[in-house]
Amino acid sequence: MQNKTTLLKTYSNETEAQLDAMKLKEAGIDCMVTNGFMGTLLPIATGGVRLMVFDDDLQRARQLLETEEA
């Protein structure tokens, strides 16, 4: 069975996405930032900077970022 990635969150700049990615990685959640440079320059055209996680980690990643934002 192949574990697919899914969109966790979109950002208007890469720095914010990388900070959240660091938090997830520190918690043992594999993730990746996509559309980095172009997502920052052309957020409307590219859909912004994307933070992707594996499907199996989606709920845990959401909870972690929601806790951090509160």
Protein backbone atom coordinates (compact mmCIF):
# COMPACT_ATOMS: atom_id res chain seq x y z
CA MET A 1 0.00 0.00 0.00
CA GLN A 2 1.40 3.36 -1.04
CA ASN A 3 1.17 6.31 1.35
CA LYS A 4 0.15 9.42 -0.59
CA THR A 5 0.70 13.05 0.30
CA THR A 6 -2.04 15.57 0.90
CA LEU A 7 -2.21 19.31 1.34
CA LEU A 8 -2.10 20.37 4.98
CA LYS A 9 -1.99 24.15 4.57
CA THR A 10 -1.21 26.93 2.10
CA TYR A 11 0.86 30.03 2.82
CA SER A 12 1.55 33.36 1.17
CA ASN A 13 5.30 33.05 1.81
CA GLU A 14 7.85 30.28 2.11
CA THR A 15 9.24 31.38 5.48
CA GLU A 16 5.97 30.69 7.31
CA ALA A 17 5.65 27.32 5.59
CA GLN A 18 9.22 26.34 6.53
CA LEU A 19 8.63 27.31 10.18
CA ASP A 20 5.57 25.04 10.37
CA ALA A 21 7.48 22.29 8.54
CA MET A 22 10.19 22.51 11.20
CA LYS A 23 7.60 22.09 13.96
CA LEU A 24 6.17 19.01 12.25
CA LYS A 25 9.58 17.45 11.66
CA GLU A 26 10.55 18.01 15.30
CA ALA A 27 7.40 16.06 16.23
CA GLY A 28 8.44 13.21 13.92
CA ILE A 29 6.02 14.04 11.11
CA ASP A 30 7.51 13.86 7.62
CA CYS A 31 6.46 16.77 5.43
CA MET A 32 7.53 18.83 2.44
CA VAL A 33 7.13 22.41 1.28
CA THR A 34 6.23 22.82 -2.39
CA ASN A 35 5.92 25.85 -4.70
CA GLY A 36 8.38 27.67 -2.43
CA PHE A 37 9.94 30.48 -4.42
CA MET A 38 7.29 30.74 -7.13
CA GLY A 39 4.48 30.42 -4.60
CA THR A 40 5.82 33.49 -2.84
CA LEU A 41 6.27 35.51 -6.03
CA LEU A 42 3.03 34.48 -7.73
CA PRO A 43 0.70 33.14 -5.02
CA ILE A 44 -2.50 33.51 -7.04
CA ALA A 45 -1.11 31.85 -10.16
CA THR A 46 0.56 28.96 -8.33
CA GLY A 47 -1.85 28.43 -5.44
CA GLY A 48 0.67 29.70 -2.90
CA VAL A 49 3.30 27.82 -0.95
CA ARG A 50 2.05 24.39 0.10
CA LEU A 51 2.84 22.28 3.13
CA MET A 52 2.30 18.63 2.30
CA VAL A 53 2.13 15.64 4.67
CA PHE A 54 1.49 11.93 4.23
CA ASP A 55 -2.16 10.93 4.52
CA ASP A 56 -1.46 8.85 7.62
CA ASP A 57 -0.07 11.90 9.44
CA LEU A 58 -2.72 14.44 8.41
CA GLN A 59 -4.81 14.46 11.60
CA ARG A 60 -1.80 14.56 13.90
CA ALA A 61 -0.21 17.37 11.87
CA ARG A 62 -3.42 19.43 11.94
CA GLN A 63 -3.71 19.02 15.69
CA LEU A 64 -0.09 20.02 16.24
CA LEU A 65 -0.36 23.21 14.18
CA GLU A 66 -3.73 24.12 15.73
CA THR A 67 -2.22 23.73 19.21
CA GLU A 68 0.73 25.93 18.21
CA GLU A 69 -1.58 28.66 16.86
CA ALA A 70 -3.75 28.76 20.01
